[in-house]
PDB file of N, CA and C in Angstrom:
ATOM      1  N   MET A   1       9.165  61.493 -33.902  1.00  0.00           N
ATOM      2  CA  MET A   1       9.872  60.240 -33.767  1.00  0.00           C
ATOM      3  C   MET A   1       9.642  59.644 -32.374  1.00  0.00           C
ATOM      4  N   LEU A   2       9.619  60.519 -31.357  1.00  0.00           N
ATOM      5  CA  LEU A   2       9.368  60.019 -30.005  1.00  0.00           C
ATOM      6  C   LEU A   2       7.981  59.397 -29.889  1.00  0.00           C
ATOM      7  N   ARG A   3       7.005  60.056 -30.467  1.00  0.00           N
ATOM      8  CA  ARG A   3       5.644  59.518 -30.385  1.00  0.00           C
ATOM      9  C   ARG A   3       5.543  58.188 -31.113  1.00  0.00           C
ATOM     10  N   ALA A   4       6.144  58.113 -32.286  1.00  0.00           N
ATOM     11  CA  ALA A   4       6.066  56.876 -33.070  1.00  0.00           C
ATOM     12  C   ALA A   4       6.742  55.724 -32.351  1.00  0.00           C
ATOM     13  N   SER A   5       7.912  55.972 -31.762  1.00  0.00           N
ATOM     14  CA  SER A   5       8.588  54.876 -31.074  1.00  0.00           C
ATOM     15  C   SER A   5       7.868  54.503 -29.785  1.00  0.00           C
ATOM     16  N   GLY A   6       7.244  55.483 -29.113  1.00  0.00           N
ATOM     17  CA  GLY A   6       6.454  55.158 -27.928  1.00  0.00           C
ATOM     18  C   GLY A   6       5.244  54.303 -28.260  1.00  0.00           C
ATOM     19  N   VAL A   7       4.561  54.648 -29.337  1.00  0.00           N
ATOM     20  CA  VAL A   7       3.422  53.833 -29.781  1.00  0.00           C
ATOM     21  C   VAL A   7       3.901  52.455 -30.217  1.00  0.00           C
ATOM     22  N   PHE A   8       5.044  52.406 -30.904  1.00  0.00           N
ATOM     23  CA  PHE A   8       5.640  51.137 -31.346  1.00  0.00           C
ATOM     24  C   PHE A   8       5.921  50.236 -30.140  1.00  0.00           C
ATOM     25  N   ALA A   9       6.485  50.813 -29.078  1.00  0.00           N
ATOM     26  CA  ALA A   9       6.771  50.034 -27.870  1.00  0.00           C
ATOM     27  C   ALA A   9       5.490  49.584 -27.186  1.00  0.00           C
ATOM     28  N   ALA A  10       4.507  50.471 -27.095  1.00  0.00           N
ATOM     29  CA  ALA A  10       3.254  50.111 -26.430  1.00  0.00           C
ATOM     30  C   ALA A  10       2.526  49.000 -27.175  1.00  0.00           C
ATOM     31  N   VAL A  11       2.463  49.090 -28.499  1.00  0.00           N
ATOM     32  CA  VAL A  11       1.808  48.038 -29.284  1.00  0.00           C
ATOM     33  C   VAL A  11       2.555  46.725 -29.133  1.00  0.00           C
ATOM     34  N   GLY A  12       3.874  46.781 -29.150  1.00  0.00           N
ATOM     35  CA  GLY A  12       4.657  45.562 -28.955  1.00  0.00           C
ATOM     36  C   GLY A  12       4.409  44.928 -27.600  1.00  0.00           C
ATOM     37  N   LEU A  13       4.292  45.746 -26.563  1.00  0.00           N
ATOM     38  CA  LEU A  13       4.017  45.205 -25.229  1.00  0.00           C
ATOM     39  C   LEU A  13       2.625  44.596 -25.147  1.00  0.00           C
ATOM     40  N   PHE A  14       1.641  45.222 -25.783  1.00  0.00           N
ATOM     41  CA  PHE A  14       0.298  44.637 -25.782  1.00  0.00           C
ATOM     42  C   PHE A  14       0.261  43.318 -26.540  1.00  0.00           C
ATOM     43  N   VAL A  15       0.920  43.266 -27.692  1.00  0.00           N
ATOM     44  CA  VAL A  15       0.961  42.015 -28.453  1.00  0.00           C
ATOM     45  C   VAL A  15       1.672  40.943 -27.648  1.00  0.00           C
ATOM     46  N   LEU A  16       2.764  41.324 -26.993  1.00  0.00           N
ATOM     47  CA  LEU A  16       3.498  40.359 -26.175  1.00  0.00           C
ATOM     48  C   LEU A  16       2.655  39.853 -25.014  1.00  0.00           C
ATOM     49  N   SER A  17       1.794  40.699 -24.466  1.00  0.00           N
ATOM     50  CA  SER A  17       0.960  40.256 -23.347  1.00  0.00           C
ATOM     51  C   SER A  17      -0.095  39.248 -23.778  1.00  0.00           C
ATOM     52  N   ARG A  18      -0.461  39.253 -25.042  1.00  0.00           N
ATOM     53  CA  ARG A  18      -1.486  38.331 -25.538  1.00  0.00           C
ATOM     54  C   ARG A  18      -0.910  37.086 -26.203  1.00  0.00           C
ATOM     55  N   ALA A  19       0.393  37.029 -26.407  1.00  0.00           N
ATOM     56  CA  ALA A  19       1.023  35.890 -27.081  1.00  0.00           C
ATOM     57  C   ALA A  19       1.361  34.822 -26.050  1.00  0.00           C
ATOM     58  N   ASN A  20       0.547  33.800 -25.973  1.00  0.00           N
ATOM     59  CA  ASN A  20       0.784  32.742 -24.999  1.00  0.00           C
ATOM     60  C   ASN A  20       1.657  31.627 -25.548  1.00  0.00           C
ATOM     61  N   SER A  21       1.394  31.179 -26.759  1.00  0.00           N
ATOM     62  CA  SER A  21       2.146  30.039 -27.263  1.00  0.00           C
ATOM     63  C   SER A  21       2.655  30.229 -28.684  1.00  0.00           C
ATOM     64  N   ILE A  22       2.403  31.350 -29.283  1.00  0.00           N
ATOM     65  CA  ILE A  22       2.840  31.564 -30.654  1.00  0.00           C
ATOM     66  C   ILE A  22       4.227  32.193 -30.618  1.00  0.00           C
ATOM     67  N   VAL A  23       5.222  31.395 -30.967  1.00  0.00           N
ATOM     68  CA  VAL A  23       6.610  31.829 -30.857  1.00  0.00           C
ATOM     69  C   VAL A  23       6.903  32.996 -31.801  1.00  0.00           C
ATOM     70  N   ALA A  24       6.416  32.936 -33.030  1.00  0.00           N
ATOM     71  CA  ALA A  24       6.691  34.003 -33.994  1.00  0.00           C
ATOM     72  C   ALA A  24       6.106  35.333 -33.532  1.00  0.00           C
ATOM     73  N   LEU A  25       4.915  35.295 -32.950  1.00  0.00           N
ATOM     74  CA  LEU A  25       4.293  36.514 -32.448  1.00  0.00           C
ATOM     75  C   LEU A  25       5.107  37.100 -31.295  1.00  0.00           C
ATOM     76  N   THR A  26       5.586  36.239 -30.431  1.00  0.00           N
ATOM     77  CA  THR A  26       6.395  36.689 -29.304  1.00  0.00           C
ATOM     78  C   THR A  26       7.710  37.286 -29.778  1.00  0.00           C
ATOM     79  N   ILE A  27       8.347  36.639 -30.740  1.00  0.00           N
ATOM     80  CA  ILE A  27       9.608  37.164 -31.274  1.00  0.00           C
ATOM     81  C   ILE A  27       9.375  38.516 -31.940  1.00  0.00           C
ATOM     82  N   GLY A  28       8.310  38.638 -32.711  1.00  0.00           N
ATOM     83  CA  GLY A  28       8.001  39.913 -33.361  1.00  0.00           C
ATOM     84  C   GLY A  28       7.717  41.026 -32.368  1.00  0.00           C
ATOM     85  N   ALA A  29       6.995  40.702 -31.313  1.00  0.00           N
ATOM     86  CA  ALA A  29       6.697  41.715 -30.298  1.00  0.00           C
ATOM     87  C   ALA A  29       7.966  42.140 -29.570  1.00  0.00           C
ATOM     88  N   ASN A  30       8.817  41.181 -29.227  1.00  0.00           N
ATOM     89  CA  ASN A  30      10.089  41.523 -28.583  1.00  0.00           C
ATOM     90  C   ASN A  30      10.958  42.369 -29.500  1.00  0.00           C
ATOM     91  N   LEU A  31      10.953  42.051 -30.780  1.00  0.00           N
ATOM     92  CA  LEU A  31      11.731  42.822 -31.743  1.00  0.00           C
ATOM     93  C   LEU A  31      11.220  44.257 -31.827  1.00  0.00           C
ATOM     94  N   SER A  32       9.906  44.432 -31.868  1.00  0.00           N
ATOM     95  CA  SER A  32       9.363  45.792 -31.958  1.00  0.00           C
ATOM     96  C   SER A  32       9.658  46.601 -30.698  1.00  0.00           C
ATOM     97  N   VAL A  33       9.567  45.982 -29.542  1.00  0.00           N
ATOM     98  CA  VAL A  33       9.881  46.693 -28.301  1.00  0.00           C
ATOM     99  C   VAL A  33      11.362  47.057 -28.262  1.00  0.00           C
ATOM    100  N   GLY A  34      12.227  46.141 -28.671  1.00  0.00           N
ATOM    101  CA  GLY A  34      13.663  46.417 -28.682  1.00  0.00           C
ATOM    102  C   GLY A  34      14.031  47.541 -29.634  1.00  0.00           C
ATOM    103  N   ILE A  35      13.445  47.537 -30.825  1.00  0.00           N
ATOM    104  CA  ILE A  35      13.713  48.605 -31.790  1.00  0.00           C
ATOM    105  C   ILE A  35      13.229  49.945 -31.247  1.00  0.00           C
ATOM    106  N   ALA A  36      12.054  49.963 -30.660  1.00  0.00           N
ATOM    107  CA  ALA A  36      11.523  51.211 -30.107  1.00  0.00           C
ATOM    108  C   ALA A  36      12.409  51.740 -28.987  1.00  0.00           C
ATOM    109  N   MET A  37      12.913  50.861 -28.142  1.00  0.00           N
ATOM    110  CA  MET A  37      13.771  51.307 -27.049  1.00  0.00           C
ATOM    111  C   MET A  37      15.084  51.883 -27.569  1.00  0.00           C
ATOM    112  N   LYS A  38      15.643  51.302 -28.608  1.00  0.00           N
ATOM    113  CA  LYS A  38      16.888  51.835 -29.177  1.00  0.00           C
ATOM    114  C   LYS A  38      16.649  53.169 -29.871  1.00  0.00           C
ATOM    115  N   ILE A  39      15.508  53.324 -30.528  1.00  0.00           N
ATOM    116  CA  ILE A  39      15.176  54.616 -31.139  1.00  0.00           C
ATOM    117  C   ILE A  39      15.066  55.686 -30.051  1.00  0.00           C
ATOM    118  N   LEU A  40      14.401  55.360 -28.963  1.00  0.00           N
ATOM    119  CA  LEU A  40      14.272  56.319 -27.867  1.00  0.00           C
ATOM    120  C   LEU A  40      15.624  56.666 -27.260  1.00  0.00           C
ATOM    121  N   LEU A  41      16.517  55.694 -27.143  1.00  0.00           N
ATOM    122  CA  LEU A  41      17.846  55.960 -26.596  1.00  0.00           C
ATOM    123  C   LEU A  41      18.609  56.930 -27.492  1.00  0.00           C
ATOM    124  N   VAL A  42      18.559  56.721 -28.796  1.00  0.00           N
ATOM    125  CA  VAL A  42      19.251  57.614 -29.730  1.00  0.00           C
ATOM    126  C   VAL A  42      18.679  59.026 -29.650  1.00  0.00           C
ATOM    127  N   VAL A  43      17.360  59.143 -29.587  1.00  0.00           N
ATOM    128  CA  VAL A  43      16.733  60.467 -29.515  1.00  0.00           C
ATOM    129  C   VAL A  43      17.101  61.164 -28.212  1.00  0.00           C
ATOM    130  N   ARG A  44      17.089  60.443 -27.108  1.00  0.00           N
ATOM    131  CA  ARG A  44      17.434  61.064 -25.820  1.00  0.00           C
ATOM    132  C   ARG A  44      18.880  61.535 -25.794  1.00  0.00           C
ATOM    133  N   ILE A  45      19.797  60.735 -26.297  1.00  0.00           N
ATOM    134  CA  ILE A  45      21.205  61.143 -26.318  1.00  0.00           C
ATOM    135  C   ILE A  45      21.397  62.335 -27.256  1.00  0.00           C
ATOM    136  N   ALA A  46      20.726  62.331 -28.409  1.00  0.00           N
ATOM    137  CA  ALA A  46      20.832  63.467 -29.332  1.00  0.00           C
ATOM    138  C   ALA A  46      20.303  64.745 -28.689  1.00  0.00           C
ATOM    139  N   LEU A  47      19.199  64.647 -27.953  1.00  0.00           N
ATOM    140  CA  LEU A  47      18.674  65.823 -27.251  1.00  0.00           C
ATOM    141  C   LEU A  47      19.643  66.313 -26.189  1.00  0.00           C
ATOM    142  N   CYS A  48      20.272  65.397 -25.484  1.00  0.00           N
ATOM    143  CA  CYS A  48      21.270  65.798 -24.486  1.00  0.00           C
ATOM    144  C   CYS A  48      22.410  66.561 -25.146  1.00  0.00           C
ATOM    145  N   HIS A  49      22.891  66.063 -26.276  1.00  0.00           N
ATOM    146  CA  HIS A  49      23.987  66.732 -26.970  1.00  0.00           C
ATOM    147  C   HIS A  49      23.564  68.087 -27.525  1.00  0.00           C
ATOM    148  N   ALA A  50      22.321  68.226 -27.897  1.00  0.00           N
ATOM    149  CA  ALA A  50      21.851  69.487 -28.468  1.00  0.00           C
ATOM    150  C   ALA A  50      21.550  70.536 -27.405  1.00  0.00           C
ATOM    151  N   LEU A  51      21.127  70.117 -26.217  1.00  0.00           N
ATOM    152  CA  LEU A  51      20.628  71.071 -25.228  1.00  0.00           C
ATOM    153  C   LEU A  51      21.572  71.360 -24.072  1.00  0.00           C
ATOM    154  N   VAL A  52      22.564  70.519 -23.847  1.00  0.00           N
ATOM    155  CA  VAL A  52      23.404  70.652 -22.658  1.00  0.00           C
ATOM    156  C   VAL A  52      24.726  71.320 -23.029  1.00  0.00           C
ATOM    157  N   PRO A  53      25.172  72.297 -22.245  1.00  0.00           N
ATOM    158  CA  PRO A  53      26.479  72.911 -22.504  1.00  0.00           C
ATOM    159  C   PRO A  53      27.609  71.882 -22.385  1.00  0.00           C
ATOM    160  N   LYS A  54      28.654  72.088 -23.174  1.00  0.00           N
ATOM    161  CA  LYS A  54      29.753  71.122 -23.222  1.00  0.00           C
ATOM    162  C   LYS A  54      30.414  70.858 -21.865  1.00  0.00           C
ATOM    163  N   PRO A  55      30.612  71.868 -20.996  1.00  0.00           N
ATOM    164  CA  PRO A  55      31.243  71.561 -19.703  1.00  0.00           C
ATOM    165  C   PRO A  55      30.422  70.621 -18.812  1.00  0.00           C
ATOM    166  N   LEU A  56      29.117  70.554 -19.023  1.00  0.00           N
ATOM    167  CA  LEU A  56      28.264  69.693 -18.204  1.00  0.00           C
ATOM    168  C   LEU A  56      27.948  68.355 -18.858  1.00  0.00           C
ATOM    169  N   MET A  57      28.399  68.155 -20.088  1.00  0.00           N
ATOM    170  CA  MET A  57      28.005  66.972 -20.854  1.00  0.00           C
ATOM    171  C   MET A  57      28.408  65.666 -20.169  1.00  0.00           C
ATOM    172  N   GLY A  58      29.638  65.566 -19.694  1.00  0.00           N
ATOM    173  CA  GLY A  58      30.098  64.328 -19.063  1.00  0.00           C
ATOM    174  C   GLY A  58      29.297  63.984 -17.822  1.00  0.00           C
ATOM    175  N   ARG A  59      29.014  64.984 -17.008  1.00  0.00           N
ATOM    176  CA  ARG A  59      28.233  64.744 -15.792  1.00  0.00           C
ATOM    177  C   ARG A  59      26.812  64.295 -16.124  1.00  0.00           C
ATOM    178  N   LEU A  60      26.210  64.970 -17.091  1.00  0.00           N
ATOM    179  CA  LEU A  60      24.837  64.629 -17.443  1.00  0.00           C
ATOM    180  C   LEU A  60      24.740  63.235 -18.057  1.00  0.00           C
ATOM    181  N   ILE A  61      25.636  62.912 -18.979  1.00  0.00           N
ATOM    182  CA  ILE A  61      25.588  61.597 -19.612  1.00  0.00           C
ATOM    183  C   ILE A  61      25.877  60.509 -18.581  1.00  0.00           C
ATOM    184  N   GLY A  62      26.803  60.767 -17.650  1.00  0.00           N
ATOM    185  CA  GLY A  62      27.069  59.799 -16.586  1.00  0.00           C
ATOM    186  C   GLY A  62      25.852  59.568 -15.704  1.00  0.00           C
ATOM    187  N   ALA A  63      25.193  60.656 -15.301  1.00  0.00           N
ATOM    188  CA  ALA A  63      23.980  60.518 -14.489  1.00  0.00           C
ATOM    189  C   ALA A  63      22.860  59.864 -15.286  1.00  0.00           C
ATOM    190  N   PHE A  64      22.766  60.206 -16.562  1.00  0.00           N
ATOM    191  CA  PHE A  64      21.744  59.621 -17.429  1.00  0.00           C
ATOM    192  C   PHE A  64      21.887  58.105 -17.487  1.00  0.00           C
ATOM    193  N   PHE A  65      23.101  57.630 -17.746  1.00  0.00           N
ATOM    194  CA  PHE A  65      23.284  56.185 -17.843  1.00  0.00           C
ATOM    195  C   PHE A  65      23.198  55.501 -16.482  1.00  0.00           C
ATOM    196  N   MET A  66      23.590  56.201 -15.410  1.00  0.00           N
ATOM    197  CA  MET A  66      23.459  55.611 -14.082  1.00  0.00           C
ATOM    198  C   MET A  66      21.983  55.375 -13.753  1.00  0.00           C
ATOM    199  N   PHE A  67      21.141  56.372 -14.013  1.00  0.00           N
ATOM    200  CA  PHE A  67      19.719  56.200 -13.731  1.00  0.00           C
ATOM    201  C   PHE A  67      19.048  55.283 -14.741  1.00  0.00           C
ATOM    202  N   ASN A  68      19.405  55.421 -16.016  1.00  0.00           N
ATOM    203  CA  ASN A  68      18.774  54.614 -17.053  1.00  0.00           C
ATOM    204  C   ASN A  68      19.097  53.133 -16.858  1.00  0.00           C
ATOM    205  N   ASP A  69      20.366  52.799 -16.733  1.00  0.00           N
ATOM    206  CA  ASP A  69      20.753  51.397 -16.575  1.00  0.00           C
ATOM    207  C   ASP A  69      20.546  50.903 -15.147  1.00  0.00           C
ATOM    208  N   GLY A  70      20.606  51.792 -14.183  1.00  0.00           N
ATOM    209  CA  GLY A  70      20.460  51.380 -12.795  1.00  0.00           C
ATOM    210  C   GLY A  70      19.028  51.106 -12.376  1.00  0.00           C
ATOM    211  N   LEU A  71      18.060  51.658 -13.091  1.00  0.00           N
ATOM    212  CA  LEU A  71      16.662  51.438 -12.727  1.00  0.00           C
ATOM    213  C   LEU A  71      16.043  50.219 -13.393  1.00  0.00           C
ATOM    214  N   TYR A  72      16.744  49.612 -14.361  1.00  0.00           N
ATOM    215  CA  TYR A  72      16.215  48.394 -14.977  1.00  0.00           C
ATOM    216  C   TYR A  72      15.981  47.278 -13.955  1.00  0.00           C
ATOM    217  N   PRO A  73      16.922  47.003 -13.044  1.00  0.00           N
ATOM    218  CA  PRO A  73      16.649  45.944 -12.058  1.00  0.00           C
ATOM    219  C   PRO A  73      15.486  46.271 -11.126  1.00  0.00           C
ATOM    220  N   VAL A  74      15.308  47.543 -10.792  1.00  0.00           N
ATOM    221  CA  VAL A  74      14.192  47.929  -9.921  1.00  0.00           C
ATOM    222  C   VAL A  74      12.862  47.689 -10.636  1.00  0.00           C
ATOM    223  N   ALA A  75      12.786  48.091 -11.907  1.00  0.00           N
ATOM    224  CA  ALA A  75      11.565  47.858 -12.680  1.00  0.00           C
ATOM    225  C   ALA A  75      11.333  46.368 -12.890  1.00  0.00           C
ATOM    226  N   ALA A  76      12.402  45.616 -13.128  1.00  0.00           N
ATOM    227  CA  ALA A  76      12.258  44.170 -13.305  1.00  0.00           C
ATOM    228  C   ALA A  76      11.749  43.516 -12.026  1.00  0.00           C
ATOM    229  N   LEU A  77      12.205  43.987 -10.890  1.00  0.00           N
ATOM    230  CA  LEU A  77      11.726  43.450  -9.616  1.00  0.00           C
ATOM    231  C   LEU A  77      10.241  43.761  -9.418  1.00  0.00           C
ATOM    232  N   ALA A  78       9.840  44.994  -9.714  1.00  0.00           N
ATOM    233  CA  ALA A  78       8.434  45.374  -9.539  1.00  0.00           C
ATOM    234  C   ALA A  78       7.529  44.598 -10.487  1.00  0.00           C
ATOM    235  N   PHE A  79       7.903  44.519 -11.764  1.00  0.00           N
ATOM    236  CA  PHE A  79       7.057  43.804 -12.717  1.00  0.00           C
ATOM    237  C   PHE A  79       7.140  42.298 -12.521  1.00  0.00           C
ATOM    238  N   GLY A  80       8.262  41.801 -12.012  1.00  0.00           N
ATOM    239  CA  GLY A  80       8.346  40.380 -11.669  1.00  0.00           C
ATOM    240  C   GLY A  80       7.401  40.031 -10.535  1.00  0.00           C
ATOM    241  N   ALA A  81       7.328  40.907  -9.539  1.00  0.00           N
ATOM    242  CA  ALA A  81       6.392  40.676  -8.436  1.00  0.00           C
ATOM    243  C   ALA A  81       4.946  40.754  -8.926  1.00  0.00           C
ATOM    244  N   LEU A  82       4.663  41.701  -9.821  1.00  0.00           N
ATOM    245  CA  LEU A  82       3.317  41.799 -10.389  1.00  0.00           C
ATOM    246  C   LEU A  82       2.978  40.561 -11.211  1.00  0.00           C
ATOM    247  N   ALA A  83       3.921  40.083 -12.014  1.00  0.00           N
ATOM    248  CA  ALA A  83       3.682  38.888 -12.828  1.00  0.00           C
ATOM    249  C   ALA A  83       3.519  37.650 -11.958  1.00  0.00           C
ATOM    250  N   GLU A  84       4.264  37.572 -10.876  1.00  0.00           N
ATOM    251  CA  GLU A  84       4.142  36.426  -9.973  1.00  0.00           C
ATOM    252  C   GLU A  84       2.779  36.412  -9.291  1.00  0.00           C
ATOM    253  N   GLY A  85       2.308  37.578  -8.894  1.00  0.00           N
ATOM    254  CA  GLY A  85       1.037  37.637  -8.182  1.00  0.00           C
ATOM    255  C   GLY A  85      -0.186  37.637  -9.078  1.00  0.00           C
ATOM    256  N   ALA A  86      -0.135  38.388 -10.176  1.00  0.00           N
ATOM    257  CA  ALA A  86      -1.329  38.564 -11.006  1.00  0.00           C
ATOM    258  C   ALA A  86      -1.250  37.864 -12.351  1.00  0.00           C
ATOM    259  N   GLY A  87      -0.085  37.414 -12.730  1.00  0.00           N
ATOM    260  CA  GLY A  87       0.065  36.723 -14.011  1.00  0.00           C
ATOM    261  C   GLY A  87       0.858  37.545 -15.015  1.00  0.00           C
ATOM    262  N   PHE A  88       1.516  36.828 -15.909  1.00  0.00           N
ATOM    263  CA  PHE A  88       2.377  37.442 -16.917  1.00  0.00           C
ATOM    264  C   PHE A  88       1.621  38.362 -17.875  1.00  0.00           C
ATOM    265  N   PRO A  89       0.470  37.949 -18.424  1.00  0.00           N
ATOM    266  CA  PRO A  89      -0.234  38.853 -19.350  1.00  0.00           C
ATOM    267  C   PRO A  89      -0.642  40.176 -18.708  1.00  0.00           C
ATOM    268  N   LEU A  90      -1.046  40.143 -17.453  1.00  0.00           N
ATOM    269  CA  LEU A  90      -1.434  41.384 -16.786  1.00  0.00           C
ATOM    270  C   LEU A  90      -0.229  42.298 -16.585  1.00  0.00           C
ATOM    271  N   ALA A  91       0.922  41.723 -16.254  1.00  0.00           N
ATOM    272  CA  ALA A  91       2.124  42.539 -16.063  1.00  0.00           C
ATOM    273  C   ALA A  91       2.531  43.230 -17.363  1.00  0.00           C
ATOM    274  N   TRP A  92       2.496  42.510 -18.473  1.00  0.00           N
ATOM    275  CA  TRP A  92       2.854  43.116 -19.757  1.00  0.00           C
ATOM    276  C   TRP A  92       1.800  44.123 -20.199  1.00  0.00           C
ATOM    277  N   SER A  93       0.537  43.852 -19.927  1.00  0.00           N
ATOM    278  CA  SER A  93      -0.505  44.835 -20.242  1.00  0.00           C
ATOM    279  C   SER A  93      -0.299  46.106 -19.427  1.00  0.00           C
ATOM    280  N   ALA A  94       0.075  45.959 -18.168  1.00  0.00           N
ATOM    281  CA  ALA A  94       0.351  47.129 -17.329  1.00  0.00           C
ATOM    282  C   ALA A  94       1.514  47.931 -17.900  1.00  0.00           C
ATOM    283  N   ALA A  95       2.545  47.253 -18.384  1.00  0.00           N
ATOM    284  CA  ALA A  95       3.674  47.960 -18.999  1.00  0.00           C
ATOM    285  C   ALA A  95       3.222  48.720 -20.242  1.00  0.00           C
ATOM    286  N   GLY A  96       2.364  48.115 -21.045  1.00  0.00           N
ATOM    287  CA  GLY A  96       1.832  48.802 -22.219  1.00  0.00           C
ATOM    288  C   GLY A  96       1.001  50.016 -21.849  1.00  0.00           C
ATOM    289  N   TRP A  97       0.167  49.884 -20.810  1.00  0.00           N
ATOM    290  CA  TRP A  97      -0.645  51.021 -20.368  1.00  0.00           C
ATOM    291  C   TRP A  97       0.233  52.147 -19.835  1.00  0.00           C
ATOM    292  N   ILE A  98       1.305  51.791 -19.146  1.00  0.00           N
ATOM    293  CA  ILE A  98       2.227  52.818 -18.647  1.00  0.00           C
ATOM    294  C   ILE A  98       2.870  53.559 -19.813  1.00  0.00           C
ATOM    295  N   CYS A  99       3.262  52.829 -20.858  1.00  0.00           N
ATOM    296  CA  CYS A  99       3.822  53.470 -22.061  1.00  0.00           C
ATOM    297  C   CYS A  99       2.806  54.403 -22.708  1.00  0.00           C
ATOM    298  N   LEU A 100       1.578  53.949 -22.838  1.00  0.00           N
ATOM    299  CA  LEU A 100       0.544  54.795 -23.439  1.00  0.00           C
ATOM    300  C   LEU A 100       0.242  56.018 -22.582  1.00  0.00           C
ATOM    301  N   ALA A 101       0.236  55.861 -21.267  1.00  0.00           N
ATOM    302  CA  ALA A 101      -0.011  57.003 -20.382  1.00  0.00           C
ATOM    303  C   ALA A 101       1.116  58.027 -20.495  1.00  0.00           C
ATOM    304  N   GLY A 102       2.358  57.552 -20.576  1.00  0.00           N
ATOM    305  CA  GLY A 102       3.477  58.474 -20.766  1.00  0.00           C
ATOM    306  C   GLY A 102       3.396  59.197 -22.093  1.00  0.00           C
ATOM    307  N   GLY A 103       3.025  58.477 -23.142  1.00  0.00           N
ATOM    308  CA  GLY A 103       2.857  59.115 -24.448  1.00  0.00           C
ATOM    309  C   GLY A 103       1.727  60.126 -24.450  1.00  0.00           C
ATOM    310  N   ALA A 104       0.622  59.792 -23.788  1.00  0.00           N
ATOM    311  CA  ALA A 104      -0.505  60.725 -23.712  1.00  0.00           C
ATOM    312  C   ALA A 104      -0.128  61.969 -22.914  1.00  0.00           C
ATOM    313  N   ALA A 105       0.644  61.798 -21.845  1.00  0.00           N
ATOM    314  CA  ALA A 105       1.093  62.957 -21.071  1.00  0.00           C
ATOM    315  C   ALA A 105       1.976  63.855 -21.927  1.00  0.00           C
ATOM    316  N   PHE A 106       2.827  63.259 -22.734  1.00  0.00           N
ATOM    317  CA  PHE A 106       3.706  64.043 -23.607  1.00  0.00           C
ATOM    318  C   PHE A 106       2.901  64.800 -24.658  1.00  0.00           C
ATOM    319  N   VAL A 107       1.856  64.175 -25.169  1.00  0.00           N
ATOM    320  CA  VAL A 107       1.062  64.797 -26.234  1.00  0.00           C
ATOM    321  C   VAL A 107       0.122  65.864 -25.680  1.00  0.00           C
ATOM    322  N   PHE A 108      -0.548  65.589 -24.560  1.00  0.00           N
ATOM    323  CA  PHE A 108      -1.625  66.459 -24.105  1.00  0.00           C
ATOM    324  C   PHE A 108      -1.242  67.455 -23.016  1.00  0.00           C
ATOM    325  N   LEU A 109      -0.126  67.282 -22.343  1.00  0.00           N
ATOM    326  CA  LEU A 109       0.263  68.221 -21.295  1.00  0.00           C
ATOM    327  C   LEU A 109       1.349  69.154 -21.826  1.00  0.00           C
ATOM    328  N   PRO A 110       1.085  70.449 -21.873  1.00  0.00           N
ATOM    329  CA  PRO A 110       2.028  71.371 -22.517  1.00  0.00           C
ATOM    330  C   PRO A 110       3.376  71.482 -21.808  1.00  0.00           C
ATOM    331  N   GLN A 111       3.436  71.255 -20.510  1.00  0.00           N
ATOM    332  CA  GLN A 111       4.722  71.379 -19.823  1.00  0.00           C
ATOM    333  C   GLN A 111       5.717  70.304 -20.265  1.00  0.00           C
ATOM    334  N   PHE A 112       5.240  69.201 -20.826  1.00  0.00           N
ATOM    335  CA  PHE A 112       6.138  68.173 -21.341  1.00  0.00           C
ATOM    336  C   PHE A 112       6.597  68.473 -22.763  1.00  0.00           C
ATOM    337  N   ARG A 113       5.973  69.449 -23.407  1.00  0.00           N
ATOM    338  CA  ARG A 113       6.343  69.791 -24.778  1.00  0.00           C
ATOM    339  C   ARG A 113       7.226  71.020 -24.846  1.00  0.00           C
ATOM    340  N   TYR A 114       7.646  71.556 -23.722  1.00  0.00           N
ATOM    341  CA  TYR A 114       8.481  72.755 -23.697  1.00  0.00           C
ATOM    342  C   TYR A 114       9.790  72.480 -24.422  1.00  0.00           C
ATOM    343  N   ARG A 115      10.137  73.370 -25.329  1.00  0.00           N
ATOM    344  CA  ARG A 115      11.387  73.225 -26.077  1.00  0.00           C
ATOM    345  C   ARG A 115      12.231  74.470 -25.836  1.00  0.00           C
ATOM    346  N   PRO A 116      13.295  74.355 -25.051  1.00  0.00           N
ATOM    347  CA  PRO A 116      14.146  75.527 -24.840  1.00  0.00           C
ATOM    348  C   PRO A 116      14.908  75.868 -26.120  1.00  0.00           C
ATOM    349  N   SER A 117      15.328  77.108 -26.200  1.00  0.00           N
ATOM    350  CA  SER A 117      16.078  77.511 -27.392  1.00  0.00           C
ATOM    351  C   SER A 117      17.444  76.845 -27.385  1.00  0.00           C
ATOM    352  N   ILE A 118      17.889  76.454 -28.555  1.00  0.00           N
ATOM    353  CA  ILE A 118      19.205  75.834 -28.710  1.00  0.00           C
ATOM    354  C   ILE A 118      20.132  76.904 -29.258  1.00  0.00           C
ATOM    355  N   GLY A 119      21.198  77.157 -28.567  1.00  0.00           N
ATOM    356  CA  GLY A 119      22.120  78.178 -29.028  1.00  0.00           C
ATOM    357  C   GLY A 119      23.257  78.390 -28.046  1.00  0.00           C
ATOM    358  N   HIS A 120      23.588  77.390 -27.278  1.00  0.00           N
ATOM    359  CA  HIS A 120      24.682  77.504 -26.318  1.00  0.00           C
ATOM    360  C   HIS A 120      25.990  77.128 -26.991  1.00  0.00           C
ATOM    361  N   ASP A 121      27.083  77.391 -26.305  1.00  0.00           N
ATOM    362  CA  ASP A 121      28.410  77.014 -26.834  1.00  0.00           C
ATOM    363  C   ASP A 121      28.949  75.793 -26.162  1.00  0.00           C
TER     364      ASP A 121
END
């Protein structure tokens, strides 16, 4: 599911980078990226609930949302500066390449595929 939603987000970002004036294409690409991001959020929260002991759950979820929601403005600033300097299509293409690189790292690097045993209380 993680791989599928990552590919879904990357394809949506690439389509969005090439959509200059076609409103329907832009709406569809935004929709696919939004759906992929929500799928990833559900999977990440489910993994947290499955792998983290109950006494640490509140701290972890708090830190998770602080970093997850707190880094959106930083990324928006960086990609806004890239779009201002190099153009909007290049910024969205860069976002798509970053998604694909993250997906490739997850698929091809074994340390990202480590699955600890689930069996805590």
